[in-house]
Amino acid sequence: MGYLQFGRHCVRQIIRSKDAVNDSVCVNPLLYASQGLRYNRKLQVILTTDIDKLGKAGETVKVAPGYFRNHLMPKLLAVPNIDKFAYLVTEQRKIYQPTEEVKHEDVVLVSESKEDLMKEYEKAAQILDKAKLVLRRLIDVQKAKARESKEDPLELRIPVSKKALVAEVARQLCVNITPENLHLPLPLSTIGEYEVPLRLPRSIPLPEGKLNWTLKVKIRSK
C-alpha cells in the first residue's frame, strides 16, 4: 500500500506541475499515451508498485503503450520514464518506504540437560501409570455364538497389537512411546481389562509400593 500511495502522490505532482501542461505534445510520452497515439513499439515506464512478472517498484521497464494507457496509468501503477517523473518517484519512495528493517536473529539451539530429560521421563511414566486406555473393538460374532458359556470372554475380530497400543497412547495420553517399551508377548485378543507392564529406564524412580510401571488397558465391544 505504501508503494501505491507514493505512486498516487507522484501522479498528482505531475498533473499539478506547470511543465506537464506547457510541454509540447510531440515530446511528452505521457500525452502520447493518453491521446492514443503510438509512441514507438515499447514505452519505458517507471513502476510505482511491485507487479508480478514485470518488475518491482522504482524499476524502469518497457511495456506496450496500450498496456500502459489502459492498465498501468489509470491505476497509478506506473509513470513514463522522464527525469522529473523519476525524481518524484525517488522522493516519494524515501517518504513512504518502510525505514524499519527486520532483524534476523540467529536461532540458538539449547540442549536439554540430563536432569531435565529425567524429569520429562518421570512425568511421562506417571501419566502412563495413572491413566487408563479405553479401546473399542469389533468382536468375532461367530466365535461369540459358539461359546460354551456366556461367561467366556468375547474374542476380538482383530487382536490389539503393540503398534495399536502405541498409537492409542499417543492419541489419548499425548505421550510418545515405542513398541519396545511394552512387555506384550501376545496381542490382546479378548474383551476385558489388562495391565501391560512397561519397560522404562531403571533410572526413573518408582512410586512407593510399586515394583514396576504398568499401563492399564480396557477393551470394550464396539
C-alpha atoms as a PDB file:
ATOM      1  CA  MET A   1       0.000   0.000   0.000  1.00  0.00           C
ATOM      2  CA  GLY A   2       2.917   2.329   0.632  1.00  0.00           C
ATOM      3  CA  TYR A   3       4.179   1.957  -2.937  1.00  0.00           C
ATOM      4  CA  LEU A   4       0.723   2.586  -4.362  1.00  0.00           C
ATOM      5  CA  GLN A   5       0.345   5.661  -2.159  1.00  0.00           C
ATOM      6  CA  PHE A   6       3.609   7.224  -3.278  1.00  0.00           C
ATOM      7  CA  GLY A   7       2.627   6.413  -6.897  1.00  0.00           C
ATOM      8  CA  ARG A   8      -0.576   8.385  -6.497  1.00  0.00           C
ATOM      9  CA  HIS A   9       1.293  11.328  -4.974  1.00  0.00           C
ATOM     10  CA  CYS A  10       3.743  11.187  -7.852  1.00  0.00           C
ATOM     11  CA  VAL A  11       0.997  11.375 -10.461  1.00  0.00           C
ATOM     12  CA  ARG A  12      -0.699  14.214  -8.604  1.00  0.00           C
ATOM     13  CA  GLN A  13       2.544  16.188  -8.644  1.00  0.00           C
ATOM     14  CA  ILE A  14       2.814  15.573 -12.387  1.00  0.00           C
ATOM     15  CA  ILE A  15      -0.702  16.835 -13.032  1.00  0.00           C
ATOM     16  CA  ARG A  16      -0.182  19.933 -10.879  1.00  0.00           C
ATOM     17  CA  SER A  17       3.185  20.843 -12.367  1.00  0.00           C
ATOM     18  CA  LYS A  18       3.154  23.627 -14.941  1.00  0.00           C
ATOM     19  CA  ASP A  19       5.719  21.843 -17.048  1.00  0.00           C
ATOM     20  CA  ALA A  20       3.313  18.994 -17.731  1.00  0.00           C
ATOM     21  CA  VAL A  21       0.777  21.479 -19.088  1.00  0.00           C
ATOM     22  CA  ASN A  22       3.177  23.527 -21.179  1.00  0.00           C
ATOM     23  CA  ASP A  23       5.174  20.646 -22.644  1.00  0.00           C
ATOM     24  CA  SER A  24       4.774  20.001 -26.328  1.00  0.00           C
ATOM     25  CA  VAL A  25       2.664  17.032 -27.336  1.00  0.00           C
ATOM     26  CA  CYS A  26       5.371  15.878 -29.690  1.00  0.00           C
ATOM     27  CA  VAL A  27       7.925  15.292 -26.920  1.00  0.00           C
ATOM     28  CA  ASN A  28       5.770  14.118 -23.991  1.00  0.00           C
ATOM     29  CA  PRO A  29       5.198  10.323 -23.956  1.00  0.00           C
ATOM     30  CA  LEU A  30       2.508  10.687 -21.277  1.00  0.00           C
ATOM     31  CA  LEU A  31       0.381  12.838 -23.598  1.00  0.00           C
ATOM     32  CA  TYR A  32       1.051  10.470 -26.479  1.00  0.00           C
ATOM     33  CA  ALA A  33      -0.233   7.569 -24.392  1.00  0.00           C
ATOM     34  CA  SER A  34      -3.291   9.473 -23.174  1.00  0.00           C
ATOM     35  CA  GLN A  35      -4.236  10.543 -26.718  1.00  0.00           C
ATOM     36  CA  GLY A  36      -3.985   7.018 -28.093  1.00  0.00           C
ATOM     37  CA  LEU A  37      -1.077   7.769 -30.456  1.00  0.00           C
ATOM     38  CA  ARG A  38       1.699   5.251 -31.000  1.00  0.00           C
ATOM     39  CA  TYR A  39       4.994   6.173 -29.423  1.00  0.00           C
ATOM     40  CA  ASN A  40       7.367   3.512 -30.735  1.00  0.00           C
ATOM     41  CA  ARG A  41       6.582  -0.160 -30.150  1.00  0.00           C
ATOM     42  CA  LYS A  42       7.608  -0.145 -26.487  1.00  0.00           C
ATOM     43  CA  LEU A  43       7.310   2.569 -23.888  1.00  0.00           C
ATOM     44  CA  GLN A  44       9.735   2.935 -20.998  1.00  0.00           C
ATOM     45  CA  VAL A  45       7.889   3.457 -17.729  1.00  0.00           C
ATOM     46  CA  ILE A  46       8.790   3.592 -14.031  1.00  0.00           C
ATOM     47  CA  LEU A  47       6.807   1.266 -11.815  1.00  0.00           C
ATOM     48  CA  THR A  48       5.293   2.769  -8.671  1.00  0.00           C
ATOM     49  CA  THR A  49       4.467  -0.599  -7.104  1.00  0.00           C
ATOM     50  CA  ASP A  50       5.540  -4.237  -7.402  1.00  0.00           C
ATOM     51  CA  ILE A  51       3.901  -6.072 -10.318  1.00  0.00           C
ATOM     52  CA  ASP A  52       4.270  -9.807 -10.855  1.00  0.00           C
ATOM     53  CA  LYS A  53       6.226 -10.840 -13.960  1.00  0.00           C
ATOM     54  CA  LEU A  54       7.007  -7.197 -14.725  1.00  0.00           C
ATOM     55  CA  GLY A  55       9.204  -5.711 -12.008  1.00  0.00           C
ATOM     56  CA  LYS A  56       9.476  -4.071  -8.628  1.00  0.00           C
ATOM     57  CA  ALA A  57       8.636  -0.546  -7.546  1.00  0.00           C
ATOM     58  CA  GLY A  58      11.141   2.019  -8.816  1.00  0.00           C
ATOM     59  CA  GLU A  59      12.383  -0.143 -11.707  1.00  0.00           C
ATOM     60  CA  THR A  60      12.285   1.029 -15.319  1.00  0.00           C
ATOM     61  CA  VAL A  61      10.656  -1.462 -17.696  1.00  0.00           C
ATOM     62  CA  LYS A  62       9.412  -1.472 -21.280  1.00  0.00           C
ATOM     63  CA  VAL A  63       5.724  -2.064 -21.936  1.00  0.00           C
ATOM     64  CA  ALA A  64       3.307  -1.657 -24.798  1.00  0.00           C
ATOM     65  CA  PRO A  65       1.718   1.818 -24.984  1.00  0.00           C
ATOM     66  CA  GLY A  66      -1.752   0.314 -24.896  1.00  0.00           C
ATOM     67  CA  TYR A  67      -0.969  -1.678 -21.754  1.00  0.00           C
ATOM     68  CA  PHE A  68       0.354   1.462 -20.088  1.00  0.00           C
ATOM     69  CA  ARG A  69      -2.578   3.592 -21.240  1.00  0.00           C
ATOM     70  CA  ASN A  70      -5.367   1.135 -20.362  1.00  0.00           C
ATOM     71  CA  HIS A  71      -3.994  -0.632 -17.286  1.00  0.00           C
ATOM     72  CA  LEU A  72      -0.930   0.888 -15.639  1.00  0.00           C
ATOM     73  CA  MET A  73      -1.661   4.598 -15.885  1.00  0.00           C
ATOM     74  CA  PRO A  74      -5.369   4.534 -14.769  1.00  0.00           C
ATOM     75  CA  LYS A  75      -4.450   2.509 -11.693  1.00  0.00           C
ATOM     76  CA  LEU A  76      -1.396   4.681 -10.924  1.00  0.00           C
ATOM     77  CA  LEU A  77       0.877   1.662 -11.205  1.00  0.00           C
ATOM     78  CA  ALA A  78       3.494   3.363 -13.435  1.00  0.00           C
ATOM     79  CA  VAL A  79       4.584   6.703 -14.896  1.00  0.00           C
ATOM     80  CA  PRO A  80       6.600   7.500 -18.055  1.00  0.00           C
ATOM     81  CA  ASN A  81      10.388   7.380 -17.789  1.00  0.00           C
ATOM     82  CA  ILE A  82      11.156  11.104 -17.719  1.00  0.00           C
ATOM     83  CA  ASP A  83      13.723  12.808 -15.492  1.00  0.00           C
ATOM     84  CA  LYS A  84      11.228  14.799 -13.447  1.00  0.00           C
ATOM     85  CA  PHE A  85       8.962  11.764 -13.005  1.00  0.00           C
ATOM     86  CA  ALA A  86      11.931   9.670 -11.898  1.00  0.00           C
ATOM     87  CA  TYR A  87      12.889  12.361  -9.375  1.00  0.00           C
ATOM     88  CA  LEU A  88       9.354  12.479  -7.963  1.00  0.00           C
ATOM     89  CA  VAL A  89       9.216   8.683  -7.668  1.00  0.00           C
ATOM     90  CA  THR A  90      12.559   8.643  -5.861  1.00  0.00           C
ATOM     91  CA  GLU A  91      11.469  11.330  -3.405  1.00  0.00           C
ATOM     92  CA  GLN A  92       8.127   9.650  -2.747  1.00  0.00           C
ATOM     93  CA  ARG A  93       9.845   6.324  -2.074  1.00  0.00           C
ATOM     94  CA  LYS A  94      12.029   7.988   0.549  1.00  0.00           C
ATOM     95  CA  ILE A  95       8.885   9.194   2.316  1.00  0.00           C
ATOM     96  CA  TYR A  96       6.692   6.113   2.127  1.00  0.00           C
ATOM     97  CA  GLN A  97       9.205   3.257   2.048  1.00  0.00           C
ATOM     98  CA  PRO A  98       9.394   1.499   5.448  1.00  0.00           C
ATOM     99  CA  THR A  99      12.511   2.507   7.334  1.00  0.00           C
ATOM    100  CA  GLU A 100      12.456  -0.300   9.879  1.00  0.00           C
ATOM    101  CA  GLU A 101      14.382  -3.324   8.748  1.00  0.00           C
ATOM    102  CA  VAL A 102      13.576  -6.736  10.036  1.00  0.00           C
ATOM    103  CA  LYS A 103      16.435  -8.086  12.062  1.00  0.00           C
ATOM    104  CA  HIS A 104      17.050 -11.797  11.594  1.00  0.00           C
ATOM    105  CA  GLU A 105      18.349 -13.170  14.837  1.00  0.00           C
ATOM    106  CA  ASP A 106      20.305 -16.384  14.864  1.00  0.00           C
ATOM    107  CA  VAL A 107      18.408 -19.270  16.407  1.00  0.00           C
ATOM    108  CA  VAL A 108      20.427 -20.912  19.154  1.00  0.00           C
ATOM    109  CA  LEU A 109      19.532 -24.479  19.994  1.00  0.00           C
ATOM    110  CA  VAL A 110      19.681 -25.060  23.725  1.00  0.00           C
ATOM    111  CA  SER A 111      20.393 -28.682  24.564  1.00  0.00           C
ATOM    112  CA  GLU A 112      18.435 -30.053  27.485  1.00  0.00           C
ATOM    113  CA  SER A 113      20.386 -31.288  30.469  1.00  0.00           C
ATOM    114  CA  LYS A 114      20.144 -34.842  31.756  1.00  0.00           C
ATOM    115  CA  GLU A 115      18.183 -33.658  34.765  1.00  0.00           C
ATOM    116  CA  ASP A 116      15.554 -32.030  32.571  1.00  0.00           C
ATOM    117  CA  LEU A 117      15.274 -35.186  30.451  1.00  0.00           C
ATOM    118  CA  MET A 118      14.877 -37.359  33.528  1.00  0.00           C
ATOM    119  CA  LYS A 119      12.095 -35.088  34.795  1.00  0.00           C
ATOM    120  CA  GLU A 120      10.291 -35.413  31.472  1.00  0.00           C
ATOM    121  CA  TYR A 121      10.686 -39.201  31.507  1.00  0.00           C
ATOM    122  CA  GLU A 122       9.408 -39.410  35.077  1.00  0.00           C
ATOM    123  CA  LYS A 123       6.399 -37.223  34.240  1.00  0.00           C
ATOM    124  CA  ALA A 124       5.577 -39.376  31.211  1.00  0.00           C
ATOM    125  CA  ALA A 125       5.895 -42.556  33.291  1.00  0.00           C
ATOM    126  CA  GLN A 126       3.493 -41.219  35.900  1.00  0.00           C
ATOM    127  CA  ILE A 127       0.958 -40.325  33.211  1.00  0.00           C
ATOM    128  CA  LEU A 128       1.161 -43.819  31.748  1.00  0.00           C
ATOM    129  CA  ASP A 129       0.861 -45.476  35.150  1.00  0.00           C
ATOM    130  CA  LYS A 130      -2.148 -43.441  36.345  1.00  0.00           C
ATOM    131  CA  ALA A 131      -4.129 -43.356  33.107  1.00  0.00           C
ATOM    132  CA  LYS A 132      -6.344 -45.999  31.544  1.00  0.00           C
ATOM    133  CA  LEU A 133      -6.652 -46.592  27.835  1.00  0.00           C
ATOM    134  CA  VAL A 134     -10.158 -47.362  26.622  1.00  0.00           C
ATOM    135  CA  LEU A 135     -10.374 -49.119  23.269  1.00  0.00           C
ATOM    136  CA  ARG A 136     -13.481 -50.088  21.331  1.00  0.00           C
ATOM    137  CA  ARG A 137     -13.111 -53.054  19.030  1.00  0.00           C
ATOM    138  CA  LEU A 138     -15.381 -55.314  16.983  1.00  0.00           C
ATOM    139  CA  ILE A 139     -15.934 -58.830  18.312  1.00  0.00           C
ATOM    140  CA  ASP A 140     -15.908 -62.057  16.349  1.00  0.00           C
ATOM    141  CA  VAL A 141     -19.646 -62.804  16.085  1.00  0.00           C
ATOM    142  CA  GLN A 142     -19.248 -66.424  15.006  1.00  0.00           C
ATOM    143  CA  LYS A 143     -16.945 -67.253  17.921  1.00  0.00           C
ATOM    144  CA  ALA A 144     -19.268 -65.387  20.276  1.00  0.00           C
ATOM    145  CA  LYS A 145     -22.195 -67.594  19.220  1.00  0.00           C
ATOM    146  CA  ALA A 146     -20.076 -70.726  19.537  1.00  0.00           C
ATOM    147  CA  ARG A 147     -19.137 -70.052  23.172  1.00  0.00           C
ATOM    148  CA  GLU A 148     -19.937 -72.818  25.602  1.00  0.00           C
ATOM    149  CA  SER A 149     -20.840 -70.321  28.342  1.00  0.00           C
ATOM    150  CA  LYS A 150     -21.781 -66.668  28.424  1.00  0.00           C
ATOM    151  CA  GLU A 151     -19.072 -66.166  30.999  1.00  0.00           C
ATOM    152  CA  ASP A 152     -16.389 -66.982  28.454  1.00  0.00           C
ATOM    153  CA  PRO A 153     -14.660 -63.805  27.194  1.00  0.00           C
ATOM    154  CA  LEU A 154     -15.621 -62.406  23.808  1.00  0.00           C
ATOM    155  CA  GLU A 155     -12.874 -62.684  21.268  1.00  0.00           C
ATOM    156  CA  LEU A 156     -11.966 -59.747  19.076  1.00  0.00           C
ATOM    157  CA  ARG A 157     -12.197 -59.822  15.327  1.00  0.00           C
ATOM    158  CA  ILE A 158      -8.725 -58.224  15.121  1.00  0.00           C
ATOM    159  CA  PRO A 159      -6.393 -58.573  18.167  1.00  0.00           C
ATOM    160  CA  VAL A 160      -4.796 -55.414  19.605  1.00  0.00           C
ATOM    161  CA  SER A 161      -1.061 -55.380  18.852  1.00  0.00           C
ATOM    162  CA  LYS A 162       1.797 -53.360  20.306  1.00  0.00           C
ATOM    163  CA  LYS A 163       1.640 -50.865  17.440  1.00  0.00           C
ATOM    164  CA  ALA A 164      -2.067 -50.297  18.070  1.00  0.00           C
ATOM    165  CA  LEU A 165      -1.401 -49.622  21.765  1.00  0.00           C
ATOM    166  CA  VAL A 166       1.443 -47.227  20.938  1.00  0.00           C
ATOM    167  CA  ALA A 167      -0.864 -45.302  18.584  1.00  0.00           C
ATOM    168  CA  GLU A 168      -3.623 -45.120  21.219  1.00  0.00           C
ATOM    169  CA  VAL A 169      -1.171 -43.915  23.885  1.00  0.00           C
ATOM    170  CA  ALA A 170      -0.110 -41.066  21.583  1.00  0.00           C
ATOM    171  CA  ARG A 171      -3.705 -40.189  20.699  1.00  0.00           C
ATOM    172  CA  GLN A 172      -5.308 -40.417  24.147  1.00  0.00           C
ATOM    173  CA  LEU A 173      -2.436 -39.563  26.504  1.00  0.00           C
ATOM    174  CA  CYS A 174      -0.201 -37.432  24.237  1.00  0.00           C
ATOM    175  CA  VAL A 175       2.827 -39.500  25.248  1.00  0.00           C
ATOM    176  CA  ASN A 176       5.193 -40.964  22.671  1.00  0.00           C
ATOM    177  CA  ILE A 177       6.493 -44.461  23.347  1.00  0.00           C
ATOM    178  CA  THR A 178       7.857 -47.284  21.215  1.00  0.00           C
ATOM    179  CA  PRO A 179       6.740 -50.929  20.953  1.00  0.00           C
ATOM    180  CA  GLU A 180       9.901 -51.859  22.861  1.00  0.00           C
ATOM    181  CA  ASN A 181       8.518 -50.019  25.914  1.00  0.00           C
ATOM    182  CA  LEU A 182       5.643 -52.527  26.172  1.00  0.00           C
ATOM    183  CA  HIS A 183       6.052 -56.049  27.504  1.00  0.00           C
ATOM    184  CA  LEU A 184       3.352 -57.802  25.477  1.00  0.00           C
ATOM    185  CA  PRO A 185       4.340 -61.282  24.250  1.00  0.00           C
ATOM    186  CA  LEU A 186       0.959 -61.836  22.544  1.00  0.00           C
ATOM    187  CA  PRO A 187      -1.630 -59.368  21.210  1.00  0.00           C
ATOM    188  CA  LEU A 188      -4.735 -58.700  23.322  1.00  0.00           C
ATOM    189  CA  SER A 189      -7.419 -60.878  21.747  1.00  0.00           C
ATOM    190  CA  THR A 190     -10.442 -60.694  24.097  1.00  0.00           C
ATOM    191  CA  ILE A 191     -12.716 -58.118  25.704  1.00  0.00           C
ATOM    192  CA  GLY A 192     -11.625 -57.123  29.213  1.00  0.00           C
ATOM    193  CA  GLU A 193      -9.214 -55.133  31.343  1.00  0.00           C
ATOM    194  CA  TYR A 194      -5.441 -55.597  31.273  1.00  0.00           C
ATOM    195  CA  GLU A 195      -2.309 -54.272  32.942  1.00  0.00           C
ATOM    196  CA  VAL A 196       0.506 -54.221  30.414  1.00  0.00           C
ATOM    197  CA  PRO A 197       3.998 -53.980  32.002  1.00  0.00           C
ATOM    198  CA  LEU A 198       6.119 -51.087  30.800  1.00  0.00           C
ATOM    199  CA  ARG A 199       9.815 -51.331  30.026  1.00  0.00           C
ATOM    200  CA  LEU A 200      11.187 -47.970  31.119  1.00  0.00           C
ATOM    201  CA  PRO A 201      14.724 -46.931  32.136  1.00  0.00           C
ATOM    202  CA  ARG A 202      15.677 -48.140  35.582  1.00  0.00           C
ATOM    203  CA  SER A 203      16.881 -44.652  36.470  1.00  0.00           C
ATOM    204  CA  ILE A 204      13.256 -43.482  36.675  1.00  0.00           C
ATOM    205  CA  PRO A 205      12.282 -43.802  40.348  1.00  0.00           C
ATOM    206  CA  LEU A 206       9.211 -45.954  41.047  1.00  0.00           C
ATOM    207  CA  PRO A 207       6.438 -44.751  43.359  1.00  0.00           C
ATOM    208  CA  GLU A 208       6.334 -46.280  46.830  1.00  0.00           C
ATOM    209  CA  GLY A 209       4.761 -49.720  46.897  1.00  0.00           C
ATOM    210  CA  LYS A 210       5.175 -50.391  43.144  1.00  0.00           C
ATOM    211  CA  LEU A 211       7.522 -52.952  41.673  1.00  0.00           C
ATOM    212  CA  ASN A 212       7.216 -51.860  38.049  1.00  0.00           C
ATOM    213  CA  TRP A 213       5.426 -49.435  35.760  1.00  0.00           C
ATOM    214  CA  THR A 214       2.195 -50.656  34.145  1.00  0.00           C
ATOM    215  CA  LEU A 215      -0.295 -49.414  31.580  1.00  0.00           C
ATOM    216  CA  LYS A 216      -3.983 -50.073  32.244  1.00  0.00           C
ATOM    217  CA  VAL A 217      -5.962 -51.011  29.144  1.00  0.00           C
ATOM    218  CA  LYS A 218      -9.706 -51.600  28.884  1.00  0.00           C
ATOM    219  CA  ILE A 219     -11.119 -53.148  25.707  1.00  0.00           C
ATOM    220  CA  ARG A 220     -14.862 -52.792  25.109  1.00  0.00           C
ATOM    221  CA  SER A 221     -17.074 -54.118  22.351  1.00  0.00           C
ATOM    222  CA  LYS A 222     -17.944 -51.731  19.581  1.00  0.00           C
END
